[in-house]
Structure formats: structure tokens, C-alpha cells
Amino acid sequence: HDALPIYQANIISSYVKKKFLKQYIVSLSDLENKFKDFGLAKGSLCHHITKVKMDLIQEGYSFSKIKRGEYKIDKYDECSQATNPSLKQTLGSD
């Protein structure tokens, strides 16, 4: 399978990010239905959820796992590892 065209990757990532920021639950099954025409494996869609989550965690958000394959933004933490140097040291940034 060829690599996902960049515009399709951007569409999926933007969709996931918007849903998270609107406090919606983001689910793998929702992405499978929404983007079925892209012909992607579950692993690819899961990667998009993970990537967007990691980006938002860096911005100070935290997440709750609702159940397998379903996540939601929990809260915005101003003292997150992204902005708190002492916490970064605690977490061990070698």
C-alpha cells in the first residue's frame, strides 16, 4: 500500500483535532466510517489519533480513554510538561 497522500493525512488529522478540541469523543470506528473511501487500515487511523493526541499533550491538554479506541480531551493543564521545566526534569528528558 502506498503512503497516504499528504492532503488526505491533513484532512484526517484536522478532523481528529477539531473533534478533540470541541470536547467530542474521538473513536477509531468513527474514523473508519468517515474515511472509508481512503482505504486505510485501522493501524493508520489509530496513528492519526495518537499523533494528534501527542501534539495536543505538548500544548498542555490531557486525555481520558473512554474505552478501547475511544478518547476525549480531559482538560487543559497550564502546568503541563510542555510548559513546566521542573516537571520535564522529573519525567527525565535525557
Protein backbone atom coordinates (compact mmCIF):
# COMPACT_ATOMS: atom_id res chain seq x y z
CA HIS A 1 0.00 0.00 0.00
CA ASP A 2 1.35 3.40 -0.97
CA ALA A 3 1.91 6.13 1.57
CA LEU A 4 -1.14 8.24 2.32
CA PRO A 5 -1.21 11.38 0.18
CA ILE A 6 -0.37 14.39 2.31
CA TYR A 7 -3.72 16.09 1.69
CA GLN A 8 -5.58 13.00 2.97
CA ALA A 9 -3.35 12.84 6.04
CA ASN A 10 -4.04 16.53 6.70
CA ILE A 11 -7.79 16.02 6.32
CA ILE A 12 -7.79 13.18 8.86
CA SER A 13 -5.53 14.99 11.35
CA SER A 14 -7.56 18.21 11.10
CA TYR A 15 -10.79 16.29 11.64
CA VAL A 16 -9.40 14.50 14.71
CA LYS A 17 -8.01 17.71 16.20
CA LYS A 18 -11.29 19.62 15.70
CA LYS A 19 -13.28 16.84 17.34
CA PHE A 20 -10.92 16.72 20.32
CA LEU A 21 -10.96 20.50 20.77
CA LYS A 22 -14.77 20.55 20.64
CA GLN A 23 -14.75 18.03 23.54
CA TYR A 24 -16.15 15.23 21.38
CA ILE A 25 -15.15 11.61 21.79
CA VAL A 26 -12.82 10.56 19.00
CA SER A 27 -13.21 6.91 18.10
CA LEU A 28 -11.46 4.59 15.75
CA SER A 29 -14.82 3.32 14.47
CA ASP A 30 -15.90 6.90 13.67
CA LEU A 31 -12.72 7.43 11.64
CA GLU A 32 -13.21 4.11 9.86
CA ASN A 33 -16.71 5.17 8.79
CA LYS A 34 -15.82 8.78 7.97
CA PHE A 35 -12.73 7.93 5.89
CA LYS A 36 -13.65 4.52 4.48
CA ASP A 37 -13.11 5.82 0.93
CA PHE A 38 -9.42 6.39 1.76
CA GLY A 39 -8.99 2.61 2.12
CA LEU A 40 -6.84 2.78 5.25
CA ALA A 41 -6.07 0.05 7.74
CA LYS A 42 -7.08 0.51 11.38
CA GLY A 43 -3.42 0.97 12.29
CA SER A 44 -3.10 4.02 10.05
CA LEU A 45 -6.19 5.64 11.51
CA CYS A 46 -5.02 4.82 15.03
CA HIS A 47 -1.71 6.51 14.22
CA HIS A 48 -3.55 9.74 13.36
CA ILE A 49 -5.37 9.70 16.71
CA THR A 50 -2.11 9.06 18.55
CA LYS A 51 -0.21 11.76 16.66
CA VAL A 52 -2.87 14.42 17.26
CA LYS A 53 -3.11 13.39 20.94
CA MET A 54 0.67 13.70 21.36
CA ASP A 55 0.66 17.14 19.69
CA LEU A 56 -2.14 18.33 21.97
CA ILE A 57 -0.42 16.89 25.06
CA GLN A 58 2.61 19.00 24.14
CA GLU A 59 0.26 22.01 24.09
CA GLY A 60 -0.94 21.20 27.62
CA TYR A 61 -4.02 19.04 27.12
CA SER A 62 -4.66 15.74 28.83
CA PHE A 63 -6.89 12.89 27.71
CA SER A 64 -9.23 10.25 29.05
CA LYS A 65 -9.55 6.85 27.46
CA ILE A 66 -13.28 6.15 27.29
CA LYS A 67 -12.79 2.58 26.12
CA ARG A 68 -10.66 0.78 23.57
CA GLY A 69 -10.22 3.04 20.56
CA GLU A 70 -12.11 5.99 22.09
CA TYR A 71 -10.54 9.10 23.62
CA LYS A 72 -11.63 12.53 24.80
CA ILE A 73 -9.83 15.64 25.97
CA ASP A 74 -9.90 15.67 29.74
CA LYS A 75 -8.65 19.17 30.47
CA TYR A 76 -6.13 21.83 29.63
CA ASP A 77 -3.27 21.92 32.10
CA GLU A 78 -1.22 25.11 32.21
CA CYS A 79 1.39 23.32 34.33
CA SER A 80 1.87 20.54 31.82
CA GLN A 81 5.21 19.04 30.83
CA ALA A 82 5.14 21.33 27.80
CA THR A 83 5.38 24.45 29.96
CA ASN A 84 6.75 23.29 33.31
CA PRO A 85 10.56 22.84 33.29
CA SER A 86 10.69 21.16 36.71
CA LEU A 87 8.19 18.55 35.57
CA LYS A 88 10.28 17.94 32.45
CA GLN A 89 13.24 17.13 34.69
CA THR A 90 11.11 14.80 36.80
CA LEU A 91 9.99 12.94 33.69
CA GLY A 92 13.61 12.55 32.67
CA SER A 93 14.47 14.32 29.47
CA ASP A 94 17.96 12.95 28.84
